[in-house]
């Protein structure tokens, strides 16, 4: 995974943890990071880098993309 994607993943994890993600959701942070990495890979292959950055800051958008890509 490239450094930028790793930084995005770390930022998402930190934000989610602060919102109670670790306590409130069934998925673990590691599982979410794996899903997000798969999403980043799929979006990068389609040259959709703007969507990578949007998904990093908008969890609802990320969830929509997970569903669209079957992740």
PDB file of N, CA and C in Angstrom:
ATOM      1  N   UNK A   1       0.855  -1.159   0.000  1.00  0.00           N
ATOM      2  CA  UNK A   1       0.000   0.000   0.000  1.00  0.00           C
ATOM      3  C   UNK A   1       0.906   1.228   0.000  1.00  0.00           C
ATOM      4  N   UNK A   2       0.569   2.215  -0.797  1.00  0.00           N
ATOM      5  CA  UNK A   2       1.413   3.400  -0.859  1.00  0.00           C
ATOM      6  C   UNK A   2       1.274   4.220   0.422  1.00  0.00           C
ATOM      7  N   UNK A   3       2.228   5.060   0.656  1.00  0.00           N
ATOM      8  CA  UNK A   3       2.276   5.856   1.896  1.00  0.00           C
ATOM      9  C   UNK A   3       1.018   6.718   2.064  1.00  0.00           C
ATOM     10  N   UNK A   4       0.546   7.325   0.993  1.00  0.00           N
ATOM     11  CA  UNK A   4      -0.646   8.180   1.084  1.00  0.00           C
ATOM     12  C   UNK A   4      -1.856   7.374   1.540  1.00  0.00           C
ATOM     13  N   UNK A   5      -2.011   6.189   0.987  1.00  0.00           N
ATOM     14  CA  UNK A   5      -3.140   5.345   1.386  1.00  0.00           C
ATOM     15  C   UNK A   5      -2.999   4.901   2.839  1.00  0.00           C
ATOM     16  N   UNK A   6      -1.776   4.623   3.256  1.00  0.00           N
ATOM     17  CA  UNK A   6      -1.546   4.240   4.645  1.00  0.00           C
ATOM     18  C   UNK A   6      -1.900   5.396   5.580  1.00  0.00           C
ATOM     19  N   UNK A   7      -1.520   6.600   5.198  1.00  0.00           N
ATOM     20  CA  UNK A   7      -1.856   7.771   6.011  1.00  0.00           C
ATOM     21  C   UNK A   7      -3.363   7.984   6.073  1.00  0.00           C
ATOM     22  N   UNK A   8      -4.037   7.798   4.955  1.00  0.00           N
ATOM     23  CA  UNK A   8      -5.493   7.923   4.919  1.00  0.00           C
ATOM     24  C   UNK A   8      -6.120   6.888   5.840  1.00  0.00           C
ATOM     25  N   UNK A   9      -5.631   5.662   5.753  1.00  0.00           N
ATOM     26  CA  UNK A   9      -6.140   4.599   6.620  1.00  0.00           C
ATOM     27  C   UNK A   9      -5.944   4.913   8.087  1.00  0.00           C
ATOM     28  N   UNK A  10      -4.780   5.436   8.426  1.00  0.00           N
ATOM     29  CA  UNK A  10      -4.508   5.812   9.816  1.00  0.00           C
ATOM     30  C   UNK A  10      -5.423   6.942  10.273  1.00  0.00           C
ATOM     31  N   UNK A  11      -5.658   7.899   9.396  1.00  0.00           N
ATOM     32  CA  UNK A  11      -6.535   9.014   9.733  1.00  0.00           C
ATOM     33  C   UNK A  11      -7.966   8.533   9.946  1.00  0.00           C
ATOM     34  N   UNK A  12      -8.424   7.648   9.101  1.00  0.00           N
ATOM     35  CA  UNK A  12      -9.782   7.098   9.238  1.00  0.00           C
ATOM     36  C   UNK A  12      -9.906   6.333  10.537  1.00  0.00           C
ATOM     37  N   UNK A  13      -8.917   5.514  10.830  1.00  0.00           N
ATOM     38  CA  UNK A  13      -8.974   4.728  12.067  1.00  0.00           C
ATOM     39  C   UNK A  13      -9.025   5.643  13.279  1.00  0.00           C
ATOM     40  N   UNK A  14      -8.209   6.662  13.302  1.00  0.00           N
ATOM     41  CA  UNK A  14      -8.173   7.574  14.445  1.00  0.00           C
ATOM     42  C   UNK A  14      -9.505   8.298  14.612  1.00  0.00           C
ATOM     43  N   UNK A  15     -10.085   8.755  13.513  1.00  0.00           N
ATOM     44  CA  UNK A  15     -11.374   9.442  13.581  1.00  0.00           C
ATOM     45  C   UNK A  15     -12.475   8.495  14.044  1.00  0.00           C
ATOM     46  N   UNK A  16     -12.483   7.306  13.509  1.00  0.00           N
ATOM     47  CA  UNK A  16     -13.507   6.329  13.887  1.00  0.00           C
ATOM     48  C   UNK A  16     -13.389   5.947  15.355  1.00  0.00           C
ATOM     49  N   UNK A  17     -12.172   5.772  15.820  1.00  0.00           N
ATOM     50  CA  UNK A  17     -11.962   5.424  17.226  1.00  0.00           C
ATOM     51  C   UNK A  17     -12.486   6.537  18.131  1.00  0.00           C
ATOM     52  N   UNK A  18     -12.218   7.769  17.760  1.00  0.00           N
ATOM     53  CA  UNK A  18     -12.666   8.910  18.556  1.00  0.00           C
ATOM     54  C   UNK A  18     -14.187   8.976  18.640  1.00  0.00           C
ATOM     55  N   UNK A  19     -14.874   8.482  17.645  1.00  0.00           N
ATOM     56  CA  UNK A  19     -16.332   8.499  17.622  1.00  0.00           C
ATOM     57  C   UNK A  19     -16.934   7.255  18.276  1.00  0.00           C
ATOM     58  N   UNK A  20     -16.128   6.440  18.849  1.00  0.00           N
ATOM     59  CA  UNK A  20     -16.637   5.251  19.507  1.00  0.00           C
ATOM     60  C   UNK A  20     -16.766   4.051  18.591  1.00  0.00           C
ATOM     61  N   UNK A  21     -16.083   4.106  17.481  1.00  0.00           N
ATOM     62  CA  UNK A  21     -16.151   3.018  16.505  1.00  0.00           C
ATOM     63  C   UNK A  21     -15.771   1.685  17.138  1.00  0.00           C
ATOM     64  N   UNK A  22     -14.704   1.696  17.911  1.00  0.00           N
ATOM     65  CA  UNK A  22     -14.211   0.447  18.495  1.00  0.00           C
ATOM     66  C   UNK A  22     -15.256  -0.199  19.388  1.00  0.00           C
ATOM     67  N   UNK A  23     -16.100   0.604  20.039  1.00  0.00           N
ATOM     68  CA  UNK A  23     -17.107   0.077  20.945  1.00  0.00           C
ATOM     69  C   UNK A  23     -18.444  -0.163  20.253  1.00  0.00           C
ATOM     70  N   UNK A  24     -18.791   0.654  19.275  1.00  0.00           N
ATOM     71  CA  UNK A  24     -20.143   0.656  18.728  1.00  0.00           C
ATOM     72  C   UNK A  24     -20.409  -0.225  17.533  1.00  0.00           C
ATOM     73  N   UNK A  25     -19.409  -0.629  16.837  1.00  0.00           N
ATOM     74  CA  UNK A  25     -19.631  -1.419  15.633  1.00  0.00           C
ATOM     75  C   UNK A  25     -19.086  -2.833  15.774  1.00  0.00           C
ATOM     76  N   UNK A  26     -19.680  -3.753  15.023  1.00  0.00           N
ATOM     77  CA  UNK A  26     -19.249  -5.143  15.092  1.00  0.00           C
ATOM     78  C   UNK A  26     -17.894  -5.351  14.406  1.00  0.00           C
ATOM     79  N   UNK A  27     -17.621  -4.572  13.375  1.00  0.00           N
ATOM     80  CA  UNK A  27     -16.356  -4.731  12.665  1.00  0.00           C
ATOM     81  C   UNK A  27     -15.204  -4.207  13.503  1.00  0.00           C
ATOM     82  N   UNK A  28     -14.117  -4.868  13.462  1.00  0.00           N
ATOM     83  CA  UNK A  28     -12.928  -4.366  14.148  1.00  0.00           C
ATOM     84  C   UNK A  28     -12.237  -3.339  13.262  1.00  0.00           C
ATOM     85  N   UNK A  29     -11.400  -2.533  13.857  1.00  0.00           N
ATOM     86  CA  UNK A  29     -10.666  -1.531  13.098  1.00  0.00           C
ATOM     87  C   UNK A  29      -9.806  -2.184  12.018  1.00  0.00           C
ATOM     88  N   UNK A  30      -9.250  -3.344  12.311  1.00  0.00           N
ATOM     89  CA  UNK A  30      -8.411  -4.038  11.329  1.00  0.00           C
ATOM     90  C   UNK A  30      -9.237  -4.484  10.129  1.00  0.00           C
ATOM     91  N   UNK A  31     -10.449  -4.981  10.376  1.00  0.00           N
ATOM     92  CA  UNK A  31     -11.315  -5.403   9.274  1.00  0.00           C
ATOM     93  C   UNK A  31     -11.701  -4.202   8.403  1.00  0.00           C
ATOM     94  N   UNK A  32     -12.015  -3.078   9.053  1.00  0.00           N
ATOM     95  CA  UNK A  32     -12.385  -1.879   8.299  1.00  0.00           C
ATOM     96  C   UNK A  32     -11.203  -1.389   7.465  1.00  0.00           C
ATOM     97  N   UNK A  33     -10.024  -1.398   8.047  1.00  0.00           N
ATOM     98  CA  UNK A  33      -8.834  -0.966   7.310  1.00  0.00           C
ATOM     99  C   UNK A  33      -8.608  -1.854   6.093  1.00  0.00           C
ATOM    100  N   UNK A  34      -8.832  -3.151   6.244  1.00  0.00           N
ATOM    101  CA  UNK A  34      -8.683  -4.077   5.114  1.00  0.00           C
ATOM    102  C   UNK A  34      -9.713  -3.760   4.028  1.00  0.00           C
ATOM    103  N   UNK A  35     -10.958  -3.517   4.432  1.00  0.00           N
ATOM    104  CA  UNK A  35     -12.000  -3.151   3.468  1.00  0.00           C
ATOM    105  C   UNK A  35     -11.637  -1.851   2.755  1.00  0.00           C
ATOM    106  N   UNK A  36     -11.152  -0.875   3.519  1.00  0.00           N
ATOM    107  CA  UNK A  36     -10.815   0.408   2.915  1.00  0.00           C
ATOM    108  C   UNK A  36      -9.645   0.259   1.945  1.00  0.00           C
ATOM    109  N   UNK A  37      -8.684  -0.564   2.278  1.00  0.00           N
ATOM    110  CA  UNK A  37      -7.552  -0.804   1.368  1.00  0.00           C
ATOM    111  C   UNK A  37      -8.043  -1.417   0.059  1.00  0.00           C
ATOM    112  N   UNK A  38      -8.985  -2.363   0.152  1.00  0.00           N
ATOM    113  CA  UNK A  38      -9.560  -2.967  -1.067  1.00  0.00           C
ATOM    114  C   UNK A  38     -10.300  -1.915  -1.881  1.00  0.00           C
ATOM    115  N   UNK A  39     -11.026  -1.038  -1.190  1.00  0.00           N
ATOM    116  CA  UNK A  39     -11.735   0.025  -1.881  1.00  0.00           C
ATOM    117  C   UNK A  39     -10.749   0.961  -2.578  1.00  0.00           C
ATOM    118  N   UNK A  40      -9.693   1.350  -1.887  1.00  0.00           N
ATOM    119  CA  UNK A  40      -8.672   2.219  -2.482  1.00  0.00           C
ATOM    120  C   UNK A  40      -8.057   1.574  -3.715  1.00  0.00           C
ATOM    121  N   UNK A  41      -7.798   0.288  -3.638  1.00  0.00           N
ATOM    122  CA  UNK A  41      -7.234  -0.439  -4.774  1.00  0.00           C
ATOM    123  C   UNK A  41      -8.195  -0.399  -5.961  1.00  0.00           C
ATOM    124  N   UNK A  42      -9.478  -0.685  -5.704  1.00  0.00           N
ATOM    125  CA  UNK A  42     -10.473  -0.690  -6.775  1.00  0.00           C
ATOM    126  C   UNK A  42     -10.619   0.698  -7.396  1.00  0.00           C
ATOM    127  N   UNK A  43     -10.680   1.713  -6.564  1.00  0.00           N
ATOM    128  CA  UNK A  43     -10.827   3.074  -7.078  1.00  0.00           C
ATOM    129  C   UNK A  43      -9.593   3.529  -7.838  1.00  0.00           C
ATOM    130  N   UNK A  44      -8.420   3.162  -7.354  1.00  0.00           N
ATOM    131  CA  UNK A  44      -7.177   3.534  -8.025  1.00  0.00           C
ATOM    132  C   UNK A  44      -7.092   2.899  -9.410  1.00  0.00           C
ATOM    133  N   UNK A  45      -7.519   1.641  -9.513  1.00  0.00           N
ATOM    134  CA  UNK A  45      -7.511   0.961 -10.817  1.00  0.00           C
ATOM    135  C   UNK A  45      -8.405   1.670 -11.823  1.00  0.00           C
ATOM    136  N   UNK A  46      -9.441   2.356 -11.326  1.00  0.00           N
ATOM    137  CA  UNK A  46     -10.344   3.104 -12.196  1.00  0.00           C
ATOM    138  C   UNK A  46      -9.968   4.590 -12.268  1.00  0.00           C
ATOM    139  N   UNK A  47      -8.787   4.926 -11.729  1.00  0.00           N
ATOM    140  CA  UNK A  47      -8.278   6.299 -11.731  1.00  0.00           C
ATOM    141  C   UNK A  47      -9.257   7.269 -11.065  1.00  0.00           C
ATOM    142  N   UNK A  48      -9.856   6.840  -9.938  1.00  0.00           N
ATOM    143  CA  UNK A  48     -10.836   7.647  -9.210  1.00  0.00           C
ATOM    144  C   UNK A  48     -10.232   8.125  -7.885  1.00  0.00           C
ATOM    145  N   UNK A  49      -9.129   8.827  -7.992  1.00  0.00           N
ATOM    146  CA  UNK A  49      -8.420   9.276  -6.792  1.00  0.00           C
ATOM    147  C   UNK A  49      -9.227  10.279  -5.974  1.00  0.00           C
ATOM    148  N   UNK A  50     -10.035  11.095  -6.622  1.00  0.00           N
ATOM    149  CA  UNK A  50     -10.880  12.030  -5.867  1.00  0.00           C
ATOM    150  C   UNK A  50     -11.838  11.269  -4.959  1.00  0.00           C
ATOM    151  N   UNK A  51     -12.335  10.129  -5.437  1.00  0.00           N
ATOM    152  CA  UNK A  51     -13.237   9.321  -4.621  1.00  0.00           C
ATOM    153  C   UNK A  51     -12.506   8.660  -3.453  1.00  0.00           C
ATOM    154  N   UNK A  52     -11.231   8.347  -3.617  1.00  0.00           N
ATOM    155  CA  UNK A  52     -10.436   7.814  -2.508  1.00  0.00           C
ATOM    156  C   UNK A  52     -10.399   8.838  -1.382  1.00  0.00           C
ATOM    157  N   UNK A  53     -10.089  10.080  -1.742  1.00  0.00           N
ATOM    158  CA  UNK A  53     -10.002  11.131  -0.728  1.00  0.00           C
ATOM    159  C   UNK A  53     -11.365  11.449  -0.119  1.00  0.00           C
ATOM    160  N   UNK A  54     -12.413  11.437  -0.926  1.00  0.00           N
ATOM    161  CA  UNK A  54     -13.753  11.692  -0.389  1.00  0.00           C
ATOM    162  C   UNK A  54     -14.174  10.575   0.565  1.00  0.00           C
ATOM    163  N   UNK A  55     -13.908   9.330   0.188  1.00  0.00           N
ATOM    164  CA  UNK A  55     -14.255   8.196   1.051  1.00  0.00           C
ATOM    165  C   UNK A  55     -13.488   8.254   2.364  1.00  0.00           C
ATOM    166  N   UNK A  56     -12.287   8.803   2.327  1.00  0.00           N
ATOM    167  CA  UNK A  56     -11.483   8.915   3.542  1.00  0.00           C
ATOM    168  C   UNK A  56     -12.106   9.870   4.550  1.00  0.00           C
ATOM    169  N   UNK A  57     -12.847  10.842   4.071  1.00  0.00           N
ATOM    170  CA  UNK A  57     -13.427  11.827   4.980  1.00  0.00           C
ATOM    171  C   UNK A  57     -14.943  11.701   5.131  1.00  0.00           C
ATOM    172  N   UNK A  58     -15.562  10.824   4.369  1.00  0.00           N
ATOM    173  CA  UNK A  58     -17.020  10.674   4.401  1.00  0.00           C
ATOM    174  C   UNK A  58     -17.370   9.191   4.494  1.00  0.00           C
ATOM    175  N   UNK A  59     -17.634   8.723   5.710  1.00  0.00           N
ATOM    176  CA  UNK A  59     -17.872   7.295   5.920  1.00  0.00           C
ATOM    177  C   UNK A  59     -19.116   6.805   5.181  1.00  0.00           C
ATOM    178  N   UNK A  60     -20.127   7.649   5.089  1.00  0.00           N
ATOM    179  CA  UNK A  60     -21.338   7.275   4.363  1.00  0.00           C
ATOM    180  C   UNK A  60     -21.022   7.005   2.891  1.00  0.00           C
ATOM    181  N   UNK A  61     -20.198   7.861   2.301  1.00  0.00           N
ATOM    182  CA  UNK A  61     -19.779   7.672   0.914  1.00  0.00           C
ATOM    183  C   UNK A  61     -18.959   6.399   0.774  1.00  0.00           C
ATOM    184  N   UNK A  62     -18.069   6.157   1.743  1.00  0.00           N
ATOM    185  CA  UNK A  62     -17.265   4.935   1.715  1.00  0.00           C
ATOM    186  C   UNK A  62     -18.168   3.703   1.757  1.00  0.00           C
ATOM    187  N   UNK A  63     -19.168   3.715   2.617  1.00  0.00           N
ATOM    188  CA  UNK A  63     -20.094   2.580   2.721  1.00  0.00           C
ATOM    189  C   UNK A  63     -20.831   2.346   1.414  1.00  0.00           C
ATOM    190  N   UNK A  64     -21.216   3.442   0.749  1.00  0.00           N
ATOM    191  CA  UNK A  64     -21.879   3.329  -0.542  1.00  0.00           C
ATOM    192  C   UNK A  64     -20.948   2.659  -1.562  1.00  0.00           C
ATOM    193  N   UNK A  65     -19.686   3.061  -1.533  1.00  0.00           N
ATOM    194  CA  UNK A  65     -18.715   2.472  -2.464  1.00  0.00           C
ATOM    195  C   UNK A  65     -18.409   1.012  -2.110  1.00  0.00           C
ATOM    196  N   UNK A  66     -18.362   0.680  -0.816  1.00  0.00           N
ATOM    197  CA  UNK A  66     -18.169  -0.723  -0.450  1.00  0.00           C
ATOM    198  C   UNK A  66     -19.257  -1.584  -1.096  1.00  0.00           C
ATOM    199  N   UNK A  67     -20.495  -1.106  -1.006  1.00  0.00           N
ATOM    200  CA  UNK A  67     -21.613  -1.848  -1.571  1.00  0.00           C
ATOM    201  C   UNK A  67     -21.499  -1.934  -3.102  1.00  0.00           C
ATOM    202  N   UNK A  68     -21.192  -0.805  -3.733  1.00  0.00           N
ATOM    203  CA  UNK A  68     -21.068  -0.768  -5.192  1.00  0.00           C
ATOM    204  C   UNK A  68     -19.998  -1.738  -5.700  1.00  0.00           C
ATOM    205  N   UNK A  69     -18.878  -1.825  -4.999  1.00  0.00           N
ATOM    206  CA  UNK A  69     -17.775  -2.676  -5.418  1.00  0.00           C
ATOM    207  C   UNK A  69     -17.849  -4.081  -4.819  1.00  0.00           C
ATOM    208  N   UNK A  70     -18.871  -4.350  -4.027  1.00  0.00           N
ATOM    209  CA  UNK A  70     -19.027  -5.679  -3.439  1.00  0.00           C
ATOM    210  C   UNK A  70     -17.961  -5.997  -2.413  1.00  0.00           C
ATOM    211  N   UNK A  71     -17.571  -5.011  -1.645  1.00  0.00           N
ATOM    212  CA  UNK A  71     -16.516  -5.183  -0.650  1.00  0.00           C
ATOM    213  C   UNK A  71     -17.156  -5.342   0.723  1.00  0.00           C
TER     214      UNK A  71
END
